């Protein structure tokens, strides 16, 4: 699909591209609404916390395309793209999406779930960096070998099972912070269909919107490196951003938090793991000097914010501003010093 879009989009008139962008925004908005409504319906039918469904089913849906792109990139000899997809998405999801949401509204914190999934979030990223540093110290050319990819996939399966178990044993603690919903009750098949259909619209809309917007930016004289530093991150995190906006707008921000935490875990264990298991991934030097430190700074900041809250039960706006500020500085440095994630 990417090659098809790259072939046809440059030949389209600017007016048609603008119409396409408007249609894609409508698809993104409607798809995100469907997905959130489906999550709420599934939570009511199964008794699972919405934050857990956001951290598993929704996150899996939003990261699946990135995993596919990363595996294909690894196979075709572009390992930097495969690793960049995972690391760049973690930075954008937590810095841009979660940071922006916390600035805009009061985002509830379910400490029972986040004290568990949150540690997996930061732990999986720390494990990725630790293995990468070990490879740097022991190999002429640092690489993530295929065995590491398979290890990450095993850890992913363990995480999905553990998240389900935590939800079941948590009782009322696992449902803390969820608003009461009295909308019409849907069946499980209808809820799953709504989630799947919504995510499909979101992903398709994002896949078409980003190259269309990039083409218009080129025609208006925006430098290529600025487009690279912004559009790649936007493309990887637009599904999470749109579901976050819909979740907050519909009064279910806990779904957004679950989606971000789950997407971070999956971007590390699933996206990077699947790509590395397909073919060993070389690790470019700028990951050690720039991308890895920024990723850990954002994730450990989020971890500290969870520990700080005590009985407040929500994230504060200044904390969102801190995460968003790190992301903005990260984008500026990418542009200024040309240290873009491979794309």
C-alpha atoms as a PDB file:
ATOM      1  CA  UNK A   1       0.000   0.000   0.000  1.00  0.00           C
ATOM      2  CA  UNK A   2       2.846   2.400   0.863  1.00  0.00           C
ATOM      3  CA  UNK A   3       4.399   2.013  -2.588  1.00  0.00           C
ATOM      4  CA  UNK A   4       1.022   2.527  -4.254  1.00  0.00           C
ATOM      5  CA  UNK A   5       0.441   5.746  -2.339  1.00  0.00           C
ATOM      6  CA  UNK A   6       3.950   7.009  -3.108  1.00  0.00           C
ATOM      7  CA  UNK A   7       3.286   6.362  -6.792  1.00  0.00           C
ATOM      8  CA  UNK A   8      -0.089   8.097  -7.144  1.00  0.00           C
ATOM      9  CA  UNK A   9      -0.124  10.903  -4.551  1.00  0.00           C
ATOM     10  CA  UNK A  10       2.581  13.117  -6.193  1.00  0.00           C
ATOM     11  CA  UNK A  11       0.513  13.228  -9.404  1.00  0.00           C
ATOM     12  CA  UNK A  12      -2.685  14.469  -7.736  1.00  0.00           C
ATOM     13  CA  UNK A  13      -3.697  18.153  -7.839  1.00  0.00           C
ATOM     14  CA  UNK A  14      -3.372  20.059  -4.561  1.00  0.00           C
ATOM     15  CA  UNK A  15      -7.146  20.567  -4.320  1.00  0.00           C
ATOM     16  CA  UNK A  16      -7.738  16.808  -4.563  1.00  0.00           C
ATOM     17  CA  UNK A  17      -5.095  16.209  -1.880  1.00  0.00           C
ATOM     18  CA  UNK A  18      -6.875  18.674   0.427  1.00  0.00           C
ATOM     19  CA  UNK A  19     -10.183  16.863  -0.148  1.00  0.00           C
ATOM     20  CA  UNK A  20      -8.459  13.539   0.619  1.00  0.00           C
ATOM     21  CA  UNK A  21      -7.055  14.962   3.862  1.00  0.00           C
ATOM     22  CA  UNK A  22     -10.511  16.176   4.964  1.00  0.00           C
ATOM     23  CA  UNK A  23     -12.015  12.745   4.188  1.00  0.00           C
ATOM     24  CA  UNK A  24      -9.201  11.031   6.112  1.00  0.00           C
ATOM     25  CA  UNK A  25      -9.786  13.265   9.148  1.00  0.00           C
ATOM     26  CA  UNK A  26     -13.477  12.325   9.083  1.00  0.00           C
ATOM     27  CA  UNK A  27     -12.548   8.617   8.827  1.00  0.00           C
ATOM     28  CA  UNK A  28     -10.080   8.973  11.701  1.00  0.00           C
ATOM     29  CA  UNK A  29     -12.625  10.708  13.905  1.00  0.00           C
ATOM     30  CA  UNK A  30     -15.465   8.287  13.150  1.00  0.00           C
ATOM     31  CA  UNK A  31     -13.213   5.235  13.453  1.00  0.00           C
ATOM     32  CA  UNK A  32     -11.863   6.393  16.823  1.00  0.00           C
ATOM     33  CA  UNK A  33     -15.424   6.960  18.090  1.00  0.00           C
ATOM     34  CA  UNK A  34     -16.431   3.450  17.014  1.00  0.00           C
ATOM     35  CA  UNK A  35     -13.359   1.919  18.669  1.00  0.00           C
ATOM     36  CA  UNK A  36     -13.987   3.677  21.997  1.00  0.00           C
ATOM     37  CA  UNK A  37     -17.683   2.770  21.996  1.00  0.00           C
ATOM     38  CA  UNK A  38     -16.715  -0.838  21.285  1.00  0.00           C
ATOM     39  CA  UNK A  39     -14.237  -0.870  24.185  1.00  0.00           C
ATOM     40  CA  UNK A  40     -16.878   0.472  26.586  1.00  0.00           C
ATOM     41  CA  UNK A  41     -19.385  -2.134  25.388  1.00  0.00           C
ATOM     42  CA  UNK A  42     -16.855  -4.970  25.682  1.00  0.00           C
ATOM     43  CA  UNK A  43     -15.839  -3.823  29.170  1.00  0.00           C
ATOM     44  CA  UNK A  44     -19.452  -3.840  30.352  1.00  0.00           C
ATOM     45  CA  UNK A  45     -20.106  -7.277  28.885  1.00  0.00           C
ATOM     46  CA  UNK A  46     -16.925  -8.977  30.138  1.00  0.00           C
ATOM     47  CA  UNK A  47     -16.333  -7.101  33.385  1.00  0.00           C
ATOM     48  CA  UNK A  48     -12.761  -6.297  32.304  1.00  0.00           C
ATOM     49  CA  UNK A  49     -11.475  -2.789  33.111  1.00  0.00           C
ATOM     50  CA  UNK A  50     -11.469  -0.425  30.130  1.00  0.00           C
ATOM     51  CA  UNK A  51      -7.823   0.428  30.818  1.00  0.00           C
ATOM     52  CA  UNK A  52      -6.924  -3.248  30.330  1.00  0.00           C
ATOM     53  CA  UNK A  53      -8.862  -3.559  27.061  1.00  0.00           C
ATOM     54  CA  UNK A  54      -7.110  -0.388  25.910  1.00  0.00           C
ATOM     55  CA  UNK A  55      -3.756  -1.882  26.889  1.00  0.00           C
ATOM     56  CA  UNK A  56      -4.343  -5.141  25.011  1.00  0.00           C
ATOM     57  CA  UNK A  57      -6.915  -5.248  22.203  1.00  0.00           C
ATOM     58  CA  UNK A  58      -6.773  -1.574  21.153  1.00  0.00           C
ATOM     59  CA  UNK A  59      -2.976  -1.382  21.460  1.00  0.00           C
ATOM     60  CA  UNK A  60      -2.578  -4.569  19.464  1.00  0.00           C
ATOM     61  CA  UNK A  61      -4.769  -3.123  16.715  1.00  0.00           C
ATOM     62  CA  UNK A  62      -2.914   0.198  16.531  1.00  0.00           C
ATOM     63  CA  UNK A  63       0.578  -1.373  16.551  1.00  0.00           C
ATOM     64  CA  UNK A  64      -0.118  -4.257  14.156  1.00  0.00           C
ATOM     65  CA  UNK A  65       0.550  -2.154  11.018  1.00  0.00           C
ATOM     66  CA  UNK A  66       3.862  -0.943  12.463  1.00  0.00           C
ATOM     67  CA  UNK A  67       4.885  -4.509  13.220  1.00  0.00           C
ATOM     68  CA  UNK A  68       4.119  -5.510   9.623  1.00  0.00           C
ATOM     69  CA  UNK A  69       6.045  -2.526   8.202  1.00  0.00           C
ATOM     70  CA  UNK A  70       8.991  -3.263  10.511  1.00  0.00           C
ATOM     71  CA  UNK A  71       9.165  -6.947   9.562  1.00  0.00           C
ATOM     72  CA  UNK A  72       9.095  -6.033   5.863  1.00  0.00           C
ATOM     73  CA  UNK A  73      11.764  -3.372   6.441  1.00  0.00           C
ATOM     74  CA  UNK A  74      14.007  -5.907   8.166  1.00  0.00           C
ATOM     75  CA  UNK A  75      13.538  -8.400   5.319  1.00  0.00           C
ATOM     76  CA  UNK A  76      14.313  -5.807   2.659  1.00  0.00           C
ATOM     77  CA  UNK A  77      17.514  -4.632   4.316  1.00  0.00           C
ATOM     78  CA  UNK A  78      16.363  -1.493   6.165  1.00  0.00           C
ATOM     79  CA  UNK A  79      16.789  -2.467   9.836  1.00  0.00           C
ATOM     80  CA  UNK A  80      17.034   1.153  10.964  1.00  0.00           C
ATOM     81  CA  UNK A  81      13.420   1.664   9.928  1.00  0.00           C
ATOM     82  CA  UNK A  82      12.322  -1.413  11.885  1.00  0.00           C
ATOM     83  CA  UNK A  83      14.017  -0.261  15.093  1.00  0.00           C
ATOM     84  CA  UNK A  84      13.052   3.367  14.460  1.00  0.00           C
ATOM     85  CA  UNK A  85       9.373   2.465  14.157  1.00  0.00           C
ATOM     86  CA  UNK A  86       9.384   0.916  17.629  1.00  0.00           C
ATOM     87  CA  UNK A  87      11.491   3.500  19.456  1.00  0.00           C
ATOM     88  CA  UNK A  88       9.998   6.501  17.641  1.00  0.00           C
ATOM     89  CA  UNK A  89       6.462   5.345  18.390  1.00  0.00           C
ATOM     90  CA  UNK A  90       7.208   4.962  22.114  1.00  0.00           C
ATOM     91  CA  UNK A  91       8.597   8.507  22.262  1.00  0.00           C
ATOM     92  CA  UNK A  92       5.687   9.984  20.297  1.00  0.00           C
ATOM     93  CA  UNK A  93       2.961   8.006  22.104  1.00  0.00           C
ATOM     94  CA  UNK A  94       4.093   8.907  25.616  1.00  0.00           C
ATOM     95  CA  UNK A  95       5.553  12.344  24.954  1.00  0.00           C
ATOM     96  CA  UNK A  96       3.121  13.717  22.372  1.00  0.00           C
ATOM     97  CA  UNK A  97      -0.157  11.829  22.880  1.00  0.00           C
ATOM     98  CA  UNK A  98      -0.161  11.254  26.650  1.00  0.00           C
ATOM     99  CA  UNK A  99       1.535  14.577  27.367  1.00  0.00           C
ATOM    100  CA  UNK A 100      -0.990  16.499  25.262  1.00  0.00           C
ATOM    101  CA  UNK A 101      -3.934  14.657  26.848  1.00  0.00           C
ATOM    102  CA  UNK A 102      -2.705  15.399  30.399  1.00  0.00           C
ATOM    103  CA  UNK A 103      -2.308  19.088  29.539  1.00  0.00           C
ATOM    104  CA  UNK A 104      -5.813  19.283  28.068  1.00  0.00           C
ATOM    105  CA  UNK A 105      -7.799  17.418  30.746  1.00  0.00           C
ATOM    106  CA  UNK A 106      -7.636  15.649  34.096  1.00  0.00           C
ATOM    107  CA  UNK A 107      -6.523  12.115  33.233  1.00  0.00           C
ATOM    108  CA  UNK A 108      -7.382   9.494  35.905  1.00  0.00           C
ATOM    109  CA  UNK A 109      -4.772   7.075  37.169  1.00  0.00           C
ATOM    110  CA  UNK A 110      -5.584   3.479  38.036  1.00  0.00           C
ATOM    111  CA  UNK A 111      -2.633   2.728  40.302  1.00  0.00           C
ATOM    112  CA  UNK A 112      -3.500  -0.976  40.661  1.00  0.00           C
ATOM    113  CA  UNK A 113      -3.117  -1.547  36.901  1.00  0.00           C
ATOM    114  CA  UNK A 114      -0.424   1.072  36.213  1.00  0.00           C
ATOM    115  CA  UNK A 115       1.775  -0.175  39.051  1.00  0.00           C
ATOM    116  CA  UNK A 116       1.888  -3.431  37.112  1.00  0.00           C
ATOM    117  CA  UNK A 117       1.616  -2.636  33.393  1.00  0.00           C
ATOM    118  CA  UNK A 118       3.636   0.547  33.930  1.00  0.00           C
ATOM    119  CA  UNK A 119       6.599  -1.452  35.188  1.00  0.00           C
ATOM    120  CA  UNK A 120       6.350  -3.718  32.145  1.00  0.00           C
ATOM    121  CA  UNK A 121       6.293  -0.576  29.985  1.00  0.00           C
ATOM    122  CA  UNK A 122       9.498   0.889  31.395  1.00  0.00           C
ATOM    123  CA  UNK A 123      11.076  -2.532  31.980  1.00  0.00           C
ATOM    124  CA  UNK A 124      10.717  -3.701  28.385  1.00  0.00           C
ATOM    125  CA  UNK A 125      12.266  -0.468  27.071  1.00  0.00           C
ATOM    126  CA  UNK A 126      15.098  -0.710  29.617  1.00  0.00           C
ATOM    127  CA  UNK A 127      15.698  -4.322  28.572  1.00  0.00           C
ATOM    128  CA  UNK A 128      15.894  -3.248  24.915  1.00  0.00           C
ATOM    129  CA  UNK A 129      18.458  -0.563  25.735  1.00  0.00           C
ATOM    130  CA  UNK A 130      20.475  -2.871  28.035  1.00  0.00           C
ATOM    131  CA  UNK A 131      20.679  -5.584  25.361  1.00  0.00           C
ATOM    132  CA  UNK A 132      21.631  -2.952  22.772  1.00  0.00           C
ATOM    133  CA  UNK A 133      24.409  -1.538  24.999  1.00  0.00           C
ATOM    134  CA  UNK A 134      25.688  -5.071  25.647  1.00  0.00           C
ATOM    135  CA  UNK A 135      25.760  -5.631  21.892  1.00  0.00           C
ATOM    136  CA  UNK A 136      27.669  -2.357  21.447  1.00  0.00           C
ATOM    137  CA  UNK A 137      30.295  -3.493  23.950  1.00  0.00           C
ATOM    138  CA  UNK A 138      30.685  -7.057  22.650  1.00  0.00           C
ATOM    139  CA  UNK A 139      30.176  -6.858  18.870  1.00  0.00           C
ATOM    140  CA  UNK A 140      32.102  -5.096  16.105  1.00  0.00           C
ATOM    141  CA  UNK A 141      28.712  -3.968  14.759  1.00  0.00           C
ATOM    142  CA  UNK A 142      25.961  -3.916  17.423  1.00  0.00           C
ATOM    143  CA  UNK A 143      22.926  -5.981  16.429  1.00  0.00           C
ATOM    144  CA  UNK A 144      19.726  -7.357  17.904  1.00  0.00           C
ATOM    145  CA  UNK A 145      20.012 -11.040  17.010  1.00  0.00           C
ATOM    146  CA  UNK A 146      17.063 -13.232  16.055  1.00  0.00           C
ATOM    147  CA  UNK A 147      17.174 -14.956  19.447  1.00  0.00           C
ATOM    148  CA  UNK A 148      16.483 -11.583  21.070  1.00  0.00           C
ATOM    149  CA  UNK A 149      13.485 -11.126  18.781  1.00  0.00           C
ATOM    150  CA  UNK A 150      12.057 -14.496  19.816  1.00  0.00           C
ATOM    151  CA  UNK A 151      12.700 -13.636  23.496  1.00  0.00           C
ATOM    152  CA  UNK A 152      10.729 -10.406  23.102  1.00  0.00           C
ATOM    153  CA  UNK A 153       7.801 -12.268  21.524  1.00  0.00           C
ATOM    154  CA  UNK A 154       7.736 -14.737  24.422  1.00  0.00           C
ATOM    155  CA  UNK A 155       7.765 -11.827  26.877  1.00  0.00           C
ATOM    156  CA  UNK A 156       4.908 -10.254  24.890  1.00  0.00           C
ATOM    157  CA  UNK A 157       2.750 -13.361  25.325  1.00  0.00           C
ATOM    158  CA  UNK A 158       3.557 -13.387  29.062  1.00  0.00           C
ATOM    159  CA  UNK A 159       2.595  -9.702  29.331  1.00  0.00           C
ATOM    160  CA  UNK A 160      -0.779 -10.227  27.631  1.00  0.00           C
ATOM    161  CA  UNK A 161      -1.608 -13.127  29.948  1.00  0.00           C
ATOM    162  CA  UNK A 162      -0.401 -11.280  33.059  1.00  0.00           C
ATOM    163  CA  UNK A 163      -2.495  -8.219  32.182  1.00  0.00           C
ATOM    164  CA  UNK A 164      -5.600 -10.395  31.935  1.00  0.00           C
ATOM    165  CA  UNK A 165      -4.807 -12.053  35.282  1.00  0.00           C
ATOM    166  CA  UNK A 166      -4.216  -8.683  36.990  1.00  0.00           C
ATOM    167  CA  UNK A 167      -7.601  -7.483  35.764  1.00  0.00           C
ATOM    168  CA  UNK A 168      -9.332 -10.608  37.106  1.00  0.00           C
ATOM    169  CA  UNK A 169      -7.711 -10.560  40.549  1.00  0.00           C
ATOM    170  CA  UNK A 170      -7.936  -6.784  40.967  1.00  0.00           C
ATOM    171  CA  UNK A 171     -11.684  -6.633  41.543  1.00  0.00           C
ATOM    172  CA  UNK A 172     -12.906  -3.109  42.283  1.00  0.00           C
ATOM    173  CA  UNK A 173      -9.313  -1.802  42.403  1.00  0.00           C
ATOM    174  CA  UNK A 174      -8.889  -2.646  38.716  1.00  0.00           C
ATOM    175  CA  UNK A 175     -12.021  -0.607  37.883  1.00  0.00           C
ATOM    176  CA  UNK A 176     -10.934   2.455  39.876  1.00  0.00           C
ATOM    177  CA  UNK A 177     -11.393   5.773  38.058  1.00  0.00           C
ATOM    178  CA  UNK A 178     -13.900   4.511  35.488  1.00  0.00           C
ATOM    179  CA  UNK A 179     -16.974   6.648  34.876  1.00  0.00           C
ATOM    180  CA  UNK A 180     -20.348   4.947  34.997  1.00  0.00           C
ATOM    181  CA  UNK A 181     -21.783   4.276  31.542  1.00  0.00           C
ATOM    182  CA  UNK A 182     -25.509   3.776  31.022  1.00  0.00           C
ATOM    183  CA  UNK A 183     -25.590   3.621  27.215  1.00  0.00           C
ATOM    184  CA  UNK A 184     -27.290   0.778  25.370  1.00  0.00           C
ATOM    185  CA  UNK A 185     -25.606  -2.536  26.133  1.00  0.00           C
ATOM    186  CA  UNK A 186     -23.987  -4.256  23.139  1.00  0.00           C
ATOM    187  CA  UNK A 187     -23.186  -7.931  22.717  1.00  0.00           C
ATOM    188  CA  UNK A 188     -19.566  -9.138  22.684  1.00  0.00           C
ATOM    189  CA  UNK A 189     -19.517  -9.877  18.896  1.00  0.00           C
ATOM    190  CA  UNK A 190     -20.959  -6.416  18.153  1.00  0.00           C
ATOM    191  CA  UNK A 191     -18.410  -4.778  20.479  1.00  0.00           C
ATOM    192  CA  UNK A 192     -15.479  -6.616  18.864  1.00  0.00           C
ATOM    193  CA  UNK A 193     -16.792  -5.735  15.402  1.00  0.00           C
ATOM    194  CA  UNK A 194     -17.069  -2.086  16.393  1.00  0.00           C
ATOM    195  CA  UNK A 195     -13.526  -2.066  17.807  1.00  0.00           C
ATOM    196  CA  UNK A 196     -12.136  -3.814  14.716  1.00  0.00           C
ATOM    197  CA  UNK A 197     -14.032  -1.622  12.257  1.00  0.00           C
ATOM    198  CA  UNK A 198     -13.067   1.529  14.114  1.00  0.00           C
ATOM    199  CA  UNK A 199      -9.374   0.628  14.234  1.00  0.00           C
ATOM    200  CA  UNK A 200      -9.457  -0.264  10.522  1.00  0.00           C
ATOM    201  CA  UNK A 201     -10.809   3.203   9.654  1.00  0.00           C
ATOM    202  CA  UNK A 202      -8.260   4.879  11.943  1.00  0.00           C
ATOM    203  CA  UNK A 203      -5.293   2.985  10.496  1.00  0.00           C
ATOM    204  CA  UNK A 204      -6.393   3.408   6.865  1.00  0.00           C
ATOM    205  CA  UNK A 205      -7.095   7.100   7.420  1.00  0.00           C
ATOM    206  CA  UNK A 206      -3.659   7.628   8.971  1.00  0.00           C
ATOM    207  CA  UNK A 207      -1.898   5.684   6.209  1.00  0.00           C
ATOM    208  CA  UNK A 208      -3.426   7.908   3.519  1.00  0.00           C
ATOM    209  CA  UNK A 209      -3.429  11.229   5.382  1.00  0.00           C
ATOM    210  CA  UNK A 210       0.281  11.353   6.293  1.00  0.00           C
ATOM    211  CA  UNK A 211       1.784  11.015   2.766  1.00  0.00           C
ATOM    212  CA  UNK A 212      -0.915  13.366   1.436  1.00  0.00           C
ATOM    213  CA  UNK A 213      -0.030  16.002   4.042  1.00  0.00           C
ATOM    214  CA  UNK A 214       3.687  15.468   3.385  1.00  0.00           C
ATOM    215  CA  UNK A 215       3.175  16.042  -0.351  1.00  0.00           C
ATOM    216  CA  UNK A 216       1.337  19.316   0.308  1.00  0.00           C
ATOM    217  CA  UNK A 217       4.118  20.389   2.696  1.00  0.00           C
ATOM    218  CA  UNK A 218       6.684  19.737  -0.053  1.00  0.00           C
ATOM    219  CA  UNK A 219       4.671  21.845  -2.512  1.00  0.00           C
ATOM    220  CA  UNK A 220       4.584  24.711  -0.008  1.00  0.00           C
ATOM    221  CA  UNK A 221       8.361  24.598   0.359  1.00  0.00           C
ATOM    222  CA  UNK A 222       8.699  22.900   3.762  1.00  0.00           C
ATOM    223  CA  UNK A 223      12.219  21.389   3.991  1.00  0.00           C
ATOM    224  CA  UNK A 224      12.489  17.612   3.643  1.00  0.00           C
ATOM    225  CA  UNK A 225      14.230  17.195   7.005  1.00  0.00           C
ATOM    226  CA  UNK A 226      11.394  19.005   8.807  1.00  0.00           C
ATOM    227  CA  UNK A 227       8.888  16.697   7.121  1.00  0.00           C
ATOM    228  CA  UNK A 228      10.980  13.673   8.115  1.00  0.00           C
ATOM    229  CA  UNK A 229      11.234  14.782  11.738  1.00  0.00           C
ATOM    230  CA  UNK A 230       7.501  15.360  12.088  1.00  0.00           C
ATOM    231  CA  UNK A 231       5.562  13.256   9.577  1.00  0.00           C
ATOM    232  CA  UNK A 232       7.228   9.949  10.459  1.00  0.00           C
ATOM    233  CA  UNK A 233       6.350  10.391  14.132  1.00  0.00           C
ATOM    234  CA  UNK A 234       2.864  11.582  13.229  1.00  0.00           C
ATOM    235  CA  UNK A 235       2.311   8.599  10.970  1.00  0.00           C
ATOM    236  CA  UNK A 236       3.303   6.085  13.622  1.00  0.00           C
ATOM    237  CA  UNK A 237       1.292   7.697  16.430  1.00  0.00           C
ATOM    238  CA  UNK A 238      -1.751   9.130  14.647  1.00  0.00           C
ATOM    239  CA  UNK A 239      -3.958   6.092  15.487  1.00  0.00           C
ATOM    240  CA  UNK A 240      -3.083   6.415  19.187  1.00  0.00           C
ATOM    241  CA  UNK A 241      -3.606  10.185  19.029  1.00  0.00           C
ATOM    242  CA  UNK A 242      -7.049   9.899  17.447  1.00  0.00           C
ATOM    243  CA  UNK A 243      -8.227   7.186  19.856  1.00  0.00           C
ATOM    244  CA  UNK A 244      -6.888   9.331  22.727  1.00  0.00           C
ATOM    245  CA  UNK A 245      -8.869  12.368  21.541  1.00  0.00           C
ATOM    246  CA  UNK A 246     -12.018  10.261  21.161  1.00  0.00           C
ATOM    247  CA  UNK A 247     -11.532   8.635  24.582  1.00  0.00           C
ATOM    248  CA  UNK A 248     -11.110  11.990  26.324  1.00  0.00           C
ATOM    249  CA  UNK A 249     -14.009  13.575  24.405  1.00  0.00           C
ATOM    250  CA  UNK A 250     -16.333  10.686  25.332  1.00  0.00           C
ATOM    251  CA  UNK A 251     -15.333  10.820  28.995  1.00  0.00           C
ATOM    252  CA  UNK A 252     -13.225   7.646  29.089  1.00  0.00           C
ATOM    253  CA  UNK A 253      -9.597   8.874  29.379  1.00  0.00           C
ATOM    254  CA  UNK A 254      -8.619   5.637  31.162  1.00  0.00           C
ATOM    255  CA  UNK A 255      -8.880   3.892  27.772  1.00  0.00           C
ATOM    256  CA  UNK A 256      -6.325   6.363  26.403  1.00  0.00           C
ATOM    257  CA  UNK A 257      -3.892   5.668  29.255  1.00  0.00           C
ATOM    258  CA  UNK A 258      -4.243   1.920  28.756  1.00  0.00           C
ATOM    259  CA  UNK A 259      -3.748   2.283  25.011  1.00  0.00           C
ATOM    260  CA  UNK A 260      -0.555   4.340  25.426  1.00  0.00           C
ATOM    261  CA  UNK A 261       0.990   2.034  28.036  1.00  0.00           C
ATOM    262  CA  UNK A 262       0.033  -1.048  26.029  1.00  0.00           C
ATOM    263  CA  UNK A 263       1.250   0.489  22.762  1.00  0.00           C
ATOM    264  CA  UNK A 264       4.644   1.241  24.366  1.00  0.00           C
ATOM    265  CA  UNK A 265       5.009  -2.372  25.497  1.00  0.00           C
ATOM    266  CA  UNK A 266       3.923  -3.692  22.104  1.00  0.00           C
ATOM    267  CA  UNK A 267       6.169  -1.294  20.180  1.00  0.00           C
ATOM    268  CA  UNK A 268       9.104  -2.702  22.123  1.00  0.00           C
ATOM    269  CA  UNK A 269       8.228  -6.389  22.441  1.00  0.00           C
ATOM    270  CA  UNK A 270       6.022  -6.850  19.333  1.00  0.00           C
ATOM    271  CA  UNK A 271       7.257  -4.370  16.702  1.00  0.00           C
ATOM    272  CA  UNK A 272      10.981  -4.701  17.487  1.00  0.00           C
ATOM    273  CA  UNK A 273      10.635  -8.360  18.507  1.00  0.00           C
ATOM    274  CA  UNK A 274       8.821  -9.415  15.330  1.00  0.00           C
ATOM    275  CA  UNK A 275      11.297  -7.532  13.118  1.00  0.00           C
ATOM    276  CA  UNK A 276      14.355  -8.939  14.903  1.00  0.00           C
ATOM    277  CA  UNK A 277      12.972 -12.491  14.809  1.00  0.00           C
ATOM    278  CA  UNK A 278      12.578 -12.111  11.023  1.00  0.00           C
ATOM    279  CA  UNK A 279      16.128 -10.816  10.546  1.00  0.00           C
ATOM    280  CA  UNK A 280      18.840  -9.533  12.895  1.00  0.00           C
ATOM    281  CA  UNK A 281      18.642  -5.740  13.305  1.00  0.00           C
ATOM    282  CA  UNK A 282      21.742  -3.553  13.257  1.00  0.00           C
ATOM    283  CA  UNK A 283      21.596  -0.622  15.699  1.00  0.00           C
ATOM    284  CA  UNK A 284      22.635   2.775  14.238  1.00  0.00           C
ATOM    285  CA  UNK A 285      24.977   4.892  16.426  1.00  0.00           C
ATOM    286  CA  UNK A 286      22.490   7.759  16.842  1.00  0.00           C
ATOM    287  CA  UNK A 287      20.172   5.470  18.819  1.00  0.00           C
ATOM    288  CA  UNK A 288      22.758   5.222  21.622  1.00  0.00           C
ATOM    289  CA  UNK A 289      23.510   8.953  21.610  1.00  0.00           C
ATOM    290  CA  UNK A 290      20.002  10.321  21.163  1.00  0.00           C
ATOM    291  CA  UNK A 291      16.895   8.155  20.657  1.00  0.00           C
ATOM    292  CA  UNK A 292      17.449   5.638  23.490  1.00  0.00           C
ATOM    293  CA  UNK A 293      18.202   8.345  26.132  1.00  0.00           C
ATOM    294  CA  UNK A 294      15.101  10.353  25.138  1.00  0.00           C
ATOM    295  CA  UNK A 295      12.918   7.223  25.241  1.00  0.00           C
ATOM    296  CA  UNK A 296      14.136   6.317  28.738  1.00  0.00           C
ATOM    297  CA  UNK A 297      13.797   9.911  29.994  1.00  0.00           C
ATOM    298  CA  UNK A 298      10.148  10.029  28.922  1.00  0.00           C
ATOM    299  CA  UNK A 299       9.270   6.573  30.258  1.00  0.00           C
ATOM    300  CA  UNK A 300      11.022   7.015  33.618  1.00  0.00           C
ATOM    301  CA  UNK A 301       9.392  10.440  33.991  1.00  0.00           C
ATOM    302  CA  UNK A 302       6.017   8.768  33.495  1.00  0.00           C
ATOM    303  CA  UNK A 303       6.985   6.093  36.015  1.00  0.00           C
ATOM    304  CA  UNK A 304       7.935   8.767  38.590  1.00  0.00           C
ATOM    305  CA  UNK A 305       4.632  10.586  37.996  1.00  0.00           C
ATOM    306  CA  UNK A 306       2.726   7.387  38.807  1.00  0.00           C
ATOM    307  CA  UNK A 307       4.687   7.013  42.058  1.00  0.00           C
ATOM    308  CA  UNK A 308       4.135  10.686  42.999  1.00  0.00           C
ATOM    309  CA  UNK A 309       0.372  10.748  42.886  1.00  0.00           C
ATOM    310  CA  UNK A 310      -0.434   9.240  46.275  1.00  0.00           C
ATOM    311  CA  UNK A 311      -4.186   9.530  46.793  1.00  0.00           C
ATOM    312  CA  UNK A 312      -4.839  12.132  44.087  1.00  0.00           C
ATOM    313  CA  UNK A 313      -5.731   9.516  41.505  1.00  0.00           C
ATOM    314  CA  UNK A 314      -4.967  11.618  38.424  1.00  0.00           C
ATOM    315  CA  UNK A 315      -2.097  13.053  36.406  1.00  0.00           C
ATOM    316  CA  UNK A 316      -1.452  16.780  36.796  1.00  0.00           C
ATOM    317  CA  UNK A 317      -1.237  19.203  33.893  1.00  0.00           C
ATOM    318  CA  UNK A 318       2.382  20.170  34.595  1.00  0.00           C
ATOM    319  CA  UNK A 319       3.348  16.513  34.237  1.00  0.00           C
ATOM    320  CA  UNK A 320       1.745  16.430  30.809  1.00  0.00           C
ATOM    321  CA  UNK A 321       3.610  19.649  30.005  1.00  0.00           C
ATOM    322  CA  UNK A 322       6.903  18.008  31.004  1.00  0.00           C
ATOM    323  CA  UNK A 323       6.309  15.003  28.728  1.00  0.00           C
ATOM    324  CA  UNK A 324       5.134  17.207  25.857  1.00  0.00           C
ATOM    325  CA  UNK A 325       8.099  19.541  26.360  1.00  0.00           C
ATOM    326  CA  UNK A 326      10.579  16.670  26.071  1.00  0.00           C
ATOM    327  CA  UNK A 327       8.909  15.582  22.844  1.00  0.00           C
ATOM    328  CA  UNK A 328       9.003  19.101  21.357  1.00  0.00           C
ATOM    329  CA  UNK A 329      12.708  19.498  22.223  1.00  0.00           C
ATOM    330  CA  UNK A 330      13.341  16.047  20.717  1.00  0.00           C
ATOM    331  CA  UNK A 331      11.719  17.118  17.432  1.00  0.00           C
ATOM    332  CA  UNK A 332      13.643  20.417  17.372  1.00  0.00           C
ATOM    333  CA  UNK A 333      16.974  18.629  17.931  1.00  0.00           C
ATOM    334  CA  UNK A 334      16.150  16.127  15.200  1.00  0.00           C
ATOM    335  CA  UNK A 335      15.646  18.986  12.781  1.00  0.00           C
ATOM    336  CA  UNK A 336      18.560  21.114  13.965  1.00  0.00           C
ATOM    337  CA  UNK A 337      21.185  18.350  14.067  1.00  0.00           C
ATOM    338  CA  UNK A 338      19.743  15.981  11.444  1.00  0.00           C
ATOM    339  CA  UNK A 339      19.504  12.938  13.733  1.00  0.00           C
ATOM    340  CA  UNK A 340      16.215  11.669  12.340  1.00  0.00           C
ATOM    341  CA  UNK A 341      15.054   8.155  13.026  1.00  0.00           C
ATOM    342  CA  UNK A 342      15.659   6.131   9.833  1.00  0.00           C
ATOM    343  CA  UNK A 343      12.628   6.085   7.578  1.00  0.00           C
END
